[in-house]
């Protein structure tokens, strides 16, 4: 028989970070379900121009990336908040970047596409086995890829060495960000 109090007291980075990742995933999925259909969305509205940025503090290990399709930006988070952000170019109509919660499945520094004429996909971070990835590429300022998330070449290179297999990637149709909260519904053990 398992002692539930002992299990509830277990610590570790993943246990402490799980509520943050879960909350961000929930926010992204809530946004996804509340998003208007593609037919109802306005066409060719240019997103707010995002520039690359880094937090004004020393960064910890990245634990999550949130891609906003609406704003065409990616924000990388550590346990204390955002650490890097950059503009992106996501999928076009008919080849949309899928919204959802993913994990980095594979990393390949010099990847070439097996689907699109051996196209260069430097610093590729694969998030689905059917071809969706984050990678370096040209950014025209709007959604222009075949479903991948293109990032600035230099940003993709910096990010590649910092991200581990298993890092969460949340793709949201709208803007989303993790929110700090107090676990008031936490299991309490009486002794």
N, C-alpha and C. Protein backbone atom coordinates (compact mmCIF):
# COMPACT_ATOMS: atom_id res chain seq x y z
N UNK A 1 0.85 -1.18 0.00
CA UNK A 1 0.00 0.00 0.00
C UNK A 1 0.89 1.24 0.00
N UNK A 2 0.57 2.20 -0.82
CA UNK A 2 1.37 3.42 -0.95
C UNK A 2 0.92 4.46 0.06
N UNK A 3 1.87 5.09 0.72
CA UNK A 3 1.58 6.16 1.67
C UNK A 3 1.38 7.45 0.87
N UNK A 4 0.16 7.95 0.81
CA UNK A 4 -0.14 9.14 0.01
C UNK A 4 0.55 10.38 0.55
N UNK A 5 0.73 10.46 1.85
CA UNK A 5 1.40 11.63 2.42
C UNK A 5 2.85 11.68 1.98
N UNK A 6 3.51 10.54 1.96
CA UNK A 6 4.90 10.50 1.51
C UNK A 6 4.98 10.91 0.05
N UNK A 7 4.06 10.42 -0.77
CA UNK A 7 4.05 10.77 -2.20
C UNK A 7 3.81 12.27 -2.38
N UNK A 8 2.91 12.85 -1.57
CA UNK A 8 2.58 14.28 -1.72
C UNK A 8 3.76 15.16 -1.32
N UNK A 9 4.62 14.66 -0.44
CA UNK A 9 5.75 15.47 0.01
C UNK A 9 6.95 15.39 -0.93
N UNK A 10 6.93 14.51 -1.90
CA UNK A 10 8.10 14.37 -2.77
C UNK A 10 8.39 15.70 -3.46
N UNK A 11 9.69 15.96 -3.58
CA UNK A 11 10.10 17.22 -4.21
C UNK A 11 10.91 16.91 -5.44
N UNK A 12 11.30 17.94 -6.12
CA UNK A 12 12.08 17.82 -7.34
C UNK A 12 11.66 18.89 -8.30
N UNK A 13 12.52 19.18 -9.21
CA UNK A 13 12.26 20.24 -10.17
C UNK A 13 11.00 19.96 -10.98
N UNK A 14 10.84 18.74 -11.46
CA UNK A 14 9.68 18.45 -12.29
C UNK A 14 8.38 18.59 -11.52
N UNK A 15 8.36 18.17 -10.27
CA UNK A 15 7.14 18.29 -9.46
C UNK A 15 6.80 19.75 -9.22
N UNK A 16 7.82 20.58 -8.97
CA UNK A 16 7.56 22.00 -8.72
C UNK A 16 7.13 22.71 -9.99
N UNK A 17 7.62 22.27 -11.11
CA UNK A 17 7.31 22.95 -12.36
C UNK A 17 6.05 22.43 -13.02
N UNK A 18 5.60 21.25 -12.65
CA UNK A 18 4.42 20.65 -13.28
C UNK A 18 3.20 21.57 -13.23
N UNK A 19 2.90 22.24 -12.09
CA UNK A 19 1.73 23.13 -12.10
C UNK A 19 1.86 24.28 -13.08
N UNK A 20 3.06 24.82 -13.25
CA UNK A 20 3.26 25.93 -14.18
C UNK A 20 3.02 25.46 -15.61
N UNK A 21 3.61 24.32 -15.97
CA UNK A 21 3.43 23.78 -17.32
C UNK A 21 1.98 23.41 -17.55
N UNK A 22 1.35 22.79 -16.56
CA UNK A 22 -0.06 22.40 -16.69
C UNK A 22 -0.94 23.62 -16.86
N UNK A 23 -0.69 24.67 -16.09
CA UNK A 23 -1.49 25.88 -16.19
C UNK A 23 -1.32 26.54 -17.56
N UNK A 24 -0.09 26.61 -18.04
CA UNK A 24 0.15 27.21 -19.35
C UNK A 24 -0.54 26.38 -20.44
N UNK A 25 -0.47 25.07 -20.33
CA UNK A 25 -1.12 24.20 -21.31
C UNK A 25 -2.63 24.40 -21.26
N UNK A 26 -3.18 24.51 -20.06
CA UNK A 26 -4.62 24.73 -19.93
C UNK A 26 -5.02 26.06 -20.54
N UNK A 27 -4.23 27.11 -20.29
CA UNK A 27 -4.52 28.42 -20.86
C UNK A 27 -4.49 28.37 -22.39
N UNK A 28 -3.50 27.67 -22.93
CA UNK A 28 -3.39 27.56 -24.39
C UNK A 28 -4.56 26.80 -24.97
N UNK A 29 -4.95 25.71 -24.33
CA UNK A 29 -6.06 24.92 -24.84
C UNK A 29 -7.39 25.64 -24.68
N UNK A 30 -7.54 26.43 -23.61
CA UNK A 30 -8.74 27.23 -23.44
C UNK A 30 -8.84 28.26 -24.56
N UNK A 31 -7.72 28.88 -24.86
CA UNK A 31 -7.68 29.84 -25.96
C UNK A 31 -8.01 29.15 -27.27
N UNK A 32 -7.51 27.94 -27.45
CA UNK A 32 -7.76 27.18 -28.68
C UNK A 32 -9.24 26.91 -28.85
N UNK A 33 -9.91 26.49 -27.79
CA UNK A 33 -11.33 26.17 -27.91
C UNK A 33 -12.18 27.41 -28.05
N UNK A 34 -11.70 28.56 -27.58
CA UNK A 34 -12.46 29.79 -27.69
C UNK A 34 -12.13 30.57 -28.96
N UNK A 35 -11.15 30.12 -29.72
CA UNK A 35 -10.72 30.84 -30.93
C UNK A 35 -11.77 30.72 -32.02
N UNK A 36 -11.95 31.77 -32.81
CA UNK A 36 -12.90 31.69 -33.92
C UNK A 36 -12.38 30.74 -35.00
N UNK A 37 -13.30 30.28 -35.81
CA UNK A 37 -12.90 29.39 -36.90
C UNK A 37 -12.09 30.15 -37.92
N UNK A 38 -11.39 29.43 -38.79
CA UNK A 38 -10.54 30.06 -39.80
C UNK A 38 -11.36 30.95 -40.73
N UNK A 39 -12.62 30.54 -41.01
CA UNK A 39 -13.45 31.34 -41.91
C UNK A 39 -13.84 32.67 -41.27
N UNK A 40 -13.99 32.67 -39.93
CA UNK A 40 -14.42 33.88 -39.24
C UNK A 40 -13.26 34.84 -38.97
N UNK A 41 -12.04 34.34 -39.03
CA UNK A 41 -10.88 35.17 -38.73
C UNK A 41 -10.60 36.13 -39.88
N UNK A 42 -10.20 37.35 -39.56
CA UNK A 42 -9.85 38.29 -40.63
C UNK A 42 -8.61 37.80 -41.38
N UNK A 43 -8.58 38.07 -42.66
CA UNK A 43 -7.48 37.60 -43.51
C UNK A 43 -6.36 38.65 -43.59
N UNK A 44 -5.13 38.19 -43.61
CA UNK A 44 -3.94 39.01 -43.85
C UNK A 44 -3.81 40.21 -42.93
N UNK A 45 -4.18 40.04 -41.68
CA UNK A 45 -3.96 41.10 -40.70
C UNK A 45 -2.53 40.95 -40.22
N UNK A 46 -1.68 41.95 -40.46
CA UNK A 46 -0.29 41.79 -40.03
C UNK A 46 -0.19 41.74 -38.51
N UNK A 47 0.59 40.77 -37.99
CA UNK A 47 0.74 40.69 -36.54
C UNK A 47 1.62 41.83 -36.02
N UNK A 48 1.52 42.05 -34.73
CA UNK A 48 2.37 43.03 -34.08
C UNK A 48 3.83 42.62 -34.32
N UNK A 49 4.66 43.55 -34.69
CA UNK A 49 6.06 43.23 -34.96
C UNK A 49 6.79 42.97 -33.65
N UNK A 50 7.36 41.78 -33.55
CA UNK A 50 8.10 41.37 -32.36
C UNK A 50 9.57 41.38 -32.70
N UNK A 51 10.38 41.85 -31.79
CA UNK A 51 11.82 41.78 -31.99
C UNK A 51 12.39 40.76 -31.02
N UNK A 52 13.58 40.29 -31.30
CA UNK A 52 14.23 39.35 -30.40
C UNK A 52 14.52 40.06 -29.09
N UNK A 53 14.44 39.30 -28.00
CA UNK A 53 14.73 39.87 -26.70
C UNK A 53 15.19 38.82 -25.73
N UNK A 54 15.89 39.27 -24.71
CA UNK A 54 16.33 38.39 -23.63
C UNK A 54 15.98 39.06 -22.31
N UNK A 55 15.62 38.27 -21.33
CA UNK A 55 15.27 38.80 -20.02
C UNK A 55 16.47 39.49 -19.40
N UNK A 56 16.23 40.55 -18.63
CA UNK A 56 17.34 41.29 -18.00
C UNK A 56 17.81 40.62 -16.70
N UNK A 57 17.99 39.31 -16.74
CA UNK A 57 18.46 38.54 -15.59
C UNK A 57 19.15 37.30 -16.11
N UNK A 58 19.88 36.63 -15.26
CA UNK A 58 20.51 35.39 -15.71
C UNK A 58 19.43 34.33 -15.88
N UNK A 59 19.51 33.59 -16.95
CA UNK A 59 18.46 32.63 -17.29
C UNK A 59 18.79 31.25 -16.77
N UNK A 60 17.74 30.55 -16.37
CA UNK A 60 17.87 29.15 -15.98
C UNK A 60 17.65 28.26 -17.19
N UNK A 61 17.49 26.99 -16.94
CA UNK A 61 17.25 26.03 -18.03
C UNK A 61 15.84 26.22 -18.59
N UNK A 62 15.71 26.31 -19.92
CA UNK A 62 14.38 26.45 -20.51
C UNK A 62 13.51 25.24 -20.17
N UNK A 63 12.26 25.51 -19.77
CA UNK A 63 11.34 24.42 -19.47
C UNK A 63 10.14 24.42 -20.40
N UNK A 64 9.93 25.53 -21.13
CA UNK A 64 8.73 25.62 -21.94
C UNK A 64 8.89 26.72 -22.99
N UNK A 65 8.26 26.49 -24.14
CA UNK A 65 8.18 27.51 -25.19
C UNK A 65 6.71 27.69 -25.52
N UNK A 66 6.28 28.93 -25.67
CA UNK A 66 4.91 29.19 -26.10
C UNK A 66 4.97 29.97 -27.40
N UNK A 67 4.34 29.41 -28.44
CA UNK A 67 4.27 30.04 -29.76
C UNK A 67 2.87 30.63 -29.91
N UNK A 68 2.79 31.91 -30.22
CA UNK A 68 1.51 32.56 -30.50
C UNK A 68 1.36 32.70 -32.01
N UNK A 69 0.38 32.00 -32.56
CA UNK A 69 0.12 32.11 -34.01
C UNK A 69 -0.38 33.51 -34.33
N UNK A 70 -1.25 34.05 -33.48
CA UNK A 70 -1.81 35.39 -33.70
C UNK A 70 -0.72 36.46 -33.77
N UNK A 71 0.19 36.46 -32.80
CA UNK A 71 1.24 37.48 -32.74
C UNK A 71 2.50 37.10 -33.49
N UNK A 72 2.56 35.87 -33.99
CA UNK A 72 3.74 35.39 -34.71
C UNK A 72 5.00 35.61 -33.87
N UNK A 73 4.97 35.05 -32.63
CA UNK A 73 6.13 35.15 -31.77
C UNK A 73 6.27 33.88 -30.94
N UNK A 74 7.49 33.64 -30.48
CA UNK A 74 7.77 32.55 -29.55
C UNK A 74 8.40 33.15 -28.30
N UNK A 75 8.00 32.63 -27.15
CA UNK A 75 8.58 33.06 -25.88
C UNK A 75 9.05 31.82 -25.15
N UNK A 76 10.29 31.85 -24.69
CA UNK A 76 10.90 30.73 -23.97
C UNK A 76 10.90 31.09 -22.48
N UNK A 77 10.52 30.12 -21.64
CA UNK A 77 10.42 30.34 -20.20
C UNK A 77 11.34 29.40 -19.43
N UNK A 78 11.87 29.90 -18.30
CA UNK A 78 12.50 29.03 -17.32
C UNK A 78 11.57 29.03 -16.11
N UNK A 79 12.01 28.51 -14.98
CA UNK A 79 11.14 28.40 -13.81
C UNK A 79 10.75 29.76 -13.22
N UNK A 80 11.47 30.83 -13.56
CA UNK A 80 11.19 32.15 -12.99
C UNK A 80 10.44 33.09 -13.93
N UNK A 81 10.25 32.70 -15.18
CA UNK A 81 9.54 33.58 -16.12
C UNK A 81 10.18 33.51 -17.50
N UNK A 82 9.86 34.48 -18.35
CA UNK A 82 10.38 34.45 -19.71
C UNK A 82 11.87 34.76 -19.72
N UNK A 83 12.57 34.11 -20.66
CA UNK A 83 14.01 34.35 -20.77
C UNK A 83 14.41 34.77 -22.18
N UNK A 84 13.68 34.34 -23.20
CA UNK A 84 13.98 34.71 -24.58
C UNK A 84 12.67 34.86 -25.35
N UNK A 85 12.66 35.77 -26.32
CA UNK A 85 11.51 35.86 -27.22
C UNK A 85 11.99 36.32 -28.58
N UNK A 86 11.22 35.92 -29.60
CA UNK A 86 11.59 36.26 -30.97
C UNK A 86 10.38 36.16 -31.88
N UNK A 87 10.43 36.85 -33.00
CA UNK A 87 9.37 36.70 -34.00
C UNK A 87 9.48 35.32 -34.66
N UNK A 88 8.38 34.84 -35.21
CA UNK A 88 8.37 33.57 -35.94
C UNK A 88 7.52 33.72 -37.19
N UNK A 89 7.55 32.69 -38.00
CA UNK A 89 6.64 32.58 -39.14
C UNK A 89 6.04 31.18 -39.07
N UNK A 90 4.72 31.11 -38.90
CA UNK A 90 4.04 29.83 -38.77
C UNK A 90 3.39 29.45 -40.10
N UNK A 91 2.56 28.42 -40.10
CA UNK A 91 1.96 27.88 -41.32
C UNK A 91 0.92 28.77 -41.96
N UNK A 92 0.79 28.63 -43.27
CA UNK A 92 -0.17 29.40 -44.06
C UNK A 92 -1.52 28.70 -44.07
N UNK A 93 -2.52 29.37 -44.63
CA UNK A 93 -3.85 28.78 -44.76
C UNK A 93 -3.75 27.49 -45.58
N UNK A 94 -4.35 26.45 -45.08
CA UNK A 94 -4.28 25.15 -45.74
C UNK A 94 -3.11 24.30 -45.26
N UNK A 95 -2.13 24.93 -44.65
CA UNK A 95 -0.96 24.24 -44.08
C UNK A 95 -0.65 24.84 -42.71
N UNK A 96 -1.70 24.98 -41.91
CA UNK A 96 -1.59 25.65 -40.62
C UNK A 96 -0.69 24.88 -39.66
N UNK A 97 -0.03 25.63 -38.81
CA UNK A 97 0.73 25.04 -37.71
C UNK A 97 -0.30 24.55 -36.71
N UNK A 98 -0.23 23.28 -36.30
CA UNK A 98 -1.25 22.77 -35.38
C UNK A 98 -1.12 23.37 -33.99
N UNK A 99 -2.25 23.72 -33.39
CA UNK A 99 -2.26 24.21 -32.02
C UNK A 99 -2.31 23.02 -31.07
N UNK A 100 -1.70 23.17 -29.92
CA UNK A 100 -1.72 22.10 -28.93
C UNK A 100 -0.50 22.14 -28.04
N UNK A 101 -0.35 21.10 -27.25
CA UNK A 101 0.77 20.97 -26.33
C UNK A 101 1.65 19.84 -26.84
N UNK A 102 2.92 20.15 -27.09
CA UNK A 102 3.86 19.20 -27.68
C UNK A 102 5.11 19.13 -26.82
N UNK A 103 6.00 18.22 -27.17
CA UNK A 103 7.31 18.12 -26.55
C UNK A 103 8.35 18.01 -27.65
N UNK A 104 9.55 18.49 -27.37
CA UNK A 104 10.65 18.32 -28.33
C UNK A 104 10.98 16.83 -28.37
N UNK A 105 10.86 16.24 -29.56
CA UNK A 105 11.07 14.81 -29.75
C UNK A 105 12.46 14.48 -30.29
N UNK A 106 13.01 15.43 -31.05
CA UNK A 106 14.29 15.18 -31.72
C UNK A 106 14.96 16.52 -31.99
N UNK A 107 16.28 16.51 -31.99
CA UNK A 107 17.07 17.70 -32.33
C UNK A 107 18.03 17.31 -33.45
N UNK A 108 18.16 18.19 -34.44
CA UNK A 108 19.10 17.95 -35.53
C UNK A 108 19.65 19.30 -35.99
N UNK A 109 20.94 19.49 -35.77
CA UNK A 109 21.58 20.78 -36.07
C UNK A 109 21.53 21.14 -37.55
N UNK A 110 21.70 20.16 -38.43
CA UNK A 110 21.76 20.42 -39.88
C UNK A 110 20.69 19.65 -40.64
N UNK A 111 19.45 19.71 -40.19
CA UNK A 111 18.37 18.93 -40.80
C UNK A 111 17.99 19.45 -42.18
N UNK A 112 17.58 18.53 -43.03
CA UNK A 112 17.04 18.85 -44.35
C UNK A 112 15.68 18.17 -44.48
N UNK A 113 14.73 18.87 -45.07
CA UNK A 113 13.37 18.35 -45.20
C UNK A 113 13.30 17.17 -46.16
N UNK A 114 12.61 16.13 -45.74
CA UNK A 114 12.38 14.99 -46.64
C UNK A 114 11.07 15.21 -47.41
N UNK A 115 10.31 16.25 -47.06
CA UNK A 115 9.03 16.53 -47.72
C UNK A 115 9.11 17.66 -48.74
N UNK A 116 9.97 18.64 -48.50
CA UNK A 116 9.98 19.85 -49.33
C UNK A 116 11.33 20.09 -49.99
N UNK A 117 11.63 19.34 -51.01
CA UNK A 117 12.81 19.52 -51.87
C UNK A 117 14.13 19.70 -51.11
N UNK A 118 14.33 18.90 -50.09
CA UNK A 118 15.59 18.91 -49.36
C UNK A 118 15.88 20.29 -48.74
N UNK A 119 14.80 21.03 -48.40
CA UNK A 119 14.95 22.38 -47.85
C UNK A 119 15.74 22.35 -46.55
N UNK A 120 16.59 23.34 -46.37
CA UNK A 120 17.39 23.49 -45.16
C UNK A 120 16.50 23.86 -43.98
N UNK A 121 16.68 23.17 -42.85
CA UNK A 121 15.94 23.45 -41.62
C UNK A 121 16.95 23.44 -40.46
N UNK A 122 17.84 24.45 -40.43
CA UNK A 122 18.91 24.43 -39.43
C UNK A 122 18.38 24.53 -38.00
N UNK A 123 19.08 23.86 -37.10
CA UNK A 123 18.76 23.86 -35.67
C UNK A 123 17.32 23.44 -35.43
N UNK A 124 16.95 22.31 -36.04
CA UNK A 124 15.60 21.78 -36.00
C UNK A 124 15.28 21.13 -34.65
N UNK A 125 14.12 21.51 -34.10
CA UNK A 125 13.57 20.91 -32.89
C UNK A 125 12.23 20.30 -33.28
N UNK A 126 12.21 19.00 -33.51
CA UNK A 126 10.99 18.31 -33.98
C UNK A 126 9.98 18.20 -32.84
N UNK A 127 8.70 18.51 -33.14
CA UNK A 127 7.65 18.38 -32.12
C UNK A 127 6.56 17.39 -32.54
N UNK A 128 6.52 16.95 -33.79
CA UNK A 128 5.61 15.88 -34.21
C UNK A 128 6.38 14.96 -35.16
N UNK A 129 5.94 13.71 -35.23
CA UNK A 129 6.62 12.77 -36.12
C UNK A 129 6.14 12.91 -37.56
N UNK A 130 5.14 13.76 -37.82
CA UNK A 130 4.70 13.95 -39.20
C UNK A 130 5.19 15.26 -39.80
N UNK A 131 6.29 15.81 -39.26
CA UNK A 131 6.96 16.89 -39.96
C UNK A 131 6.89 18.28 -39.37
N UNK A 132 6.30 18.48 -38.21
CA UNK A 132 6.23 19.82 -37.63
C UNK A 132 7.41 20.02 -36.69
N UNK A 133 8.08 21.17 -36.85
CA UNK A 133 9.27 21.46 -36.05
C UNK A 133 9.45 22.95 -35.89
N UNK A 134 10.28 23.34 -34.94
CA UNK A 134 10.76 24.71 -34.83
C UNK A 134 12.16 24.69 -35.43
N UNK A 135 12.50 25.65 -36.26
CA UNK A 135 13.83 25.69 -36.88
C UNK A 135 14.13 27.08 -37.42
N UNK A 136 15.38 27.32 -37.74
CA UNK A 136 15.79 28.58 -38.33
C UNK A 136 15.24 28.70 -39.74
N UNK A 137 14.88 29.91 -40.14
CA UNK A 137 14.37 30.11 -41.49
C UNK A 137 14.07 31.58 -41.75
N UNK A 138 13.72 31.91 -43.00
CA UNK A 138 13.41 33.30 -43.33
C UNK A 138 12.08 33.73 -42.71
N UNK A 139 12.02 34.98 -42.27
CA UNK A 139 10.81 35.51 -41.64
C UNK A 139 10.30 36.69 -42.45
N UNK A 140 9.24 36.50 -43.23
CA UNK A 140 8.72 37.61 -44.02
C UNK A 140 7.83 38.57 -43.22
N UNK A 141 7.54 38.24 -41.95
CA UNK A 141 6.69 39.12 -41.14
C UNK A 141 5.25 38.64 -41.04
N UNK A 142 4.96 37.47 -41.56
CA UNK A 142 3.61 36.90 -41.51
C UNK A 142 3.75 35.38 -41.63
N UNK A 143 2.63 34.66 -41.45
CA UNK A 143 2.62 33.20 -41.57
C UNK A 143 2.98 32.82 -43.00
N UNK A 144 4.03 32.01 -43.18
CA UNK A 144 4.48 31.69 -44.54
C UNK A 144 5.08 30.30 -44.68
N UNK A 145 5.02 29.47 -43.63
CA UNK A 145 5.66 28.16 -43.72
C UNK A 145 4.65 27.09 -44.14
N UNK A 146 5.14 25.86 -44.26
CA UNK A 146 4.28 24.72 -44.59
C UNK A 146 3.77 24.04 -43.32
N UNK A 147 3.81 24.73 -42.19
CA UNK A 147 3.31 24.18 -40.93
C UNK A 147 4.33 24.26 -39.80
N UNK A 148 5.60 24.37 -40.15
CA UNK A 148 6.63 24.50 -39.12
C UNK A 148 6.61 25.90 -38.50
N UNK A 149 7.39 26.06 -37.45
CA UNK A 149 7.56 27.36 -36.82
C UNK A 149 8.98 27.82 -37.16
N UNK A 150 9.08 28.78 -38.08
CA UNK A 150 10.40 29.33 -38.43
C UNK A 150 10.79 30.40 -37.42
N UNK A 151 12.04 30.35 -37.02
CA UNK A 151 12.59 31.35 -36.08
C UNK A 151 13.78 32.03 -36.77
N UNK A 152 14.20 33.21 -36.31
CA UNK A 152 15.40 33.83 -36.87
C UNK A 152 16.58 32.86 -36.76
N UNK A 153 17.44 32.84 -37.76
CA UNK A 153 18.56 31.89 -37.79
C UNK A 153 19.41 31.95 -36.53
N UNK A 154 19.82 33.15 -36.11
CA UNK A 154 20.66 33.30 -34.93
C UNK A 154 19.96 32.87 -33.65
N UNK A 155 18.67 33.17 -33.55
CA UNK A 155 17.89 32.79 -32.38
C UNK A 155 17.78 31.26 -32.30
N UNK A 156 17.50 30.62 -33.44
CA UNK A 156 17.39 29.16 -33.48
C UNK A 156 18.70 28.50 -33.06
N UNK A 157 19.81 29.10 -33.47
CA UNK A 157 21.12 28.56 -33.09
C UNK A 157 21.35 28.67 -31.58
N UNK A 158 21.03 29.83 -30.99
CA UNK A 158 21.18 30.02 -29.54
C UNK A 158 20.28 29.06 -28.77
N UNK A 159 19.05 28.91 -29.23
CA UNK A 159 18.08 28.09 -28.54
C UNK A 159 18.41 26.60 -28.62
N UNK A 160 18.97 26.18 -29.74
CA UNK A 160 19.24 24.76 -29.99
C UNK A 160 20.04 24.11 -28.86
N UNK A 161 21.11 24.76 -28.42
CA UNK A 161 21.96 24.17 -27.39
C UNK A 161 21.34 24.23 -26.00
N UNK A 162 20.34 25.08 -25.80
CA UNK A 162 19.73 25.24 -24.48
C UNK A 162 18.55 24.30 -24.24
N UNK A 163 17.86 23.93 -25.31
CA UNK A 163 16.65 23.12 -25.18
C UNK A 163 16.99 21.63 -25.14
N UNK A 164 16.30 20.91 -24.28
CA UNK A 164 16.50 19.47 -24.16
C UNK A 164 15.34 18.71 -24.79
N UNK A 165 15.58 17.46 -25.12
CA UNK A 165 14.50 16.57 -25.56
C UNK A 165 13.48 16.54 -24.41
N UNK A 166 12.21 16.66 -24.74
CA UNK A 166 11.16 16.64 -23.73
C UNK A 166 10.67 18.01 -23.32
N UNK A 167 11.39 19.09 -23.70
CA UNK A 167 10.95 20.44 -23.36
C UNK A 167 9.56 20.67 -23.96
N UNK A 168 8.65 21.22 -23.19
CA UNK A 168 7.29 21.49 -23.65
C UNK A 168 7.26 22.64 -24.65
N UNK A 169 6.45 22.47 -25.69
CA UNK A 169 6.20 23.51 -26.67
C UNK A 169 4.68 23.63 -26.79
N UNK A 170 4.16 24.80 -26.43
CA UNK A 170 2.73 25.05 -26.51
C UNK A 170 2.50 25.97 -27.69
N UNK A 171 1.64 25.55 -28.60
CA UNK A 171 1.31 26.39 -29.76
C UNK A 171 -0.14 26.81 -29.58
N UNK A 172 -0.35 28.13 -29.51
CA UNK A 172 -1.66 28.69 -29.24
C UNK A 172 -2.10 29.60 -30.38
N UNK A 173 -3.38 29.55 -30.76
CA UNK A 173 -3.85 30.45 -31.81
C UNK A 173 -3.82 31.91 -31.38
N UNK A 174 -3.89 32.16 -30.07
CA UNK A 174 -3.85 33.52 -29.53
C UNK A 174 -2.65 33.65 -28.61
N UNK A 175 -2.54 34.79 -27.96
CA UNK A 175 -1.45 35.00 -27.01
C UNK A 175 -1.76 34.23 -25.72
N UNK A 176 -0.75 33.59 -25.17
CA UNK A 176 -0.89 32.85 -23.91
C UNK A 176 0.41 32.97 -23.15
N UNK A 177 0.32 32.92 -21.84
CA UNK A 177 1.52 32.93 -21.01
C UNK A 177 1.21 32.24 -19.70
N UNK A 178 2.22 31.66 -19.07
CA UNK A 178 1.97 30.99 -17.79
C UNK A 178 1.68 32.03 -16.71
N UNK A 179 0.93 31.61 -15.72
CA UNK A 179 0.55 32.49 -14.63
C UNK A 179 0.95 31.82 -13.32
N UNK A 180 1.58 32.59 -12.44
CA UNK A 180 1.95 32.05 -11.15
C UNK A 180 0.70 31.93 -10.30
N UNK A 181 0.61 30.85 -9.55
CA UNK A 181 -0.54 30.67 -8.69
C UNK A 181 -0.12 29.94 -7.42
N UNK A 182 -0.97 30.02 -6.41
CA UNK A 182 -0.74 29.34 -5.15
C UNK A 182 -1.57 28.06 -5.17
N UNK A 183 -0.95 26.93 -4.93
CA UNK A 183 -1.70 25.67 -4.99
C UNK A 183 -2.60 25.50 -3.77
N UNK A 184 -3.72 26.27 -3.71
CA UNK A 184 -4.62 26.23 -2.56
C UNK A 184 -5.35 24.90 -2.45
N UNK A 185 -5.47 24.19 -3.55
CA UNK A 185 -6.14 22.90 -3.53
C UNK A 185 -5.17 21.75 -3.31
N UNK A 186 -4.01 22.06 -2.78
CA UNK A 186 -2.98 21.03 -2.58
C UNK A 186 -3.43 20.03 -1.53
N UNK A 187 -3.00 18.80 -1.71
CA UNK A 187 -3.31 17.74 -0.76
C UNK A 187 -2.53 18.02 0.53
N UNK A 188 -3.24 18.02 1.63
CA UNK A 188 -2.59 18.23 2.92
C UNK A 188 -2.72 16.94 3.72
N UNK A 189 -1.64 16.57 4.35
CA UNK A 189 -1.62 15.36 5.13
C UNK A 189 -1.64 15.70 6.62
N UNK A 190 -2.44 14.99 7.32
CA UNK A 190 -2.47 15.20 8.77
C UNK A 190 -1.58 14.17 9.42
N UNK A 191 -0.82 14.61 10.42
CA UNK A 191 0.08 13.67 11.09
C UNK A 191 -0.41 13.35 12.47
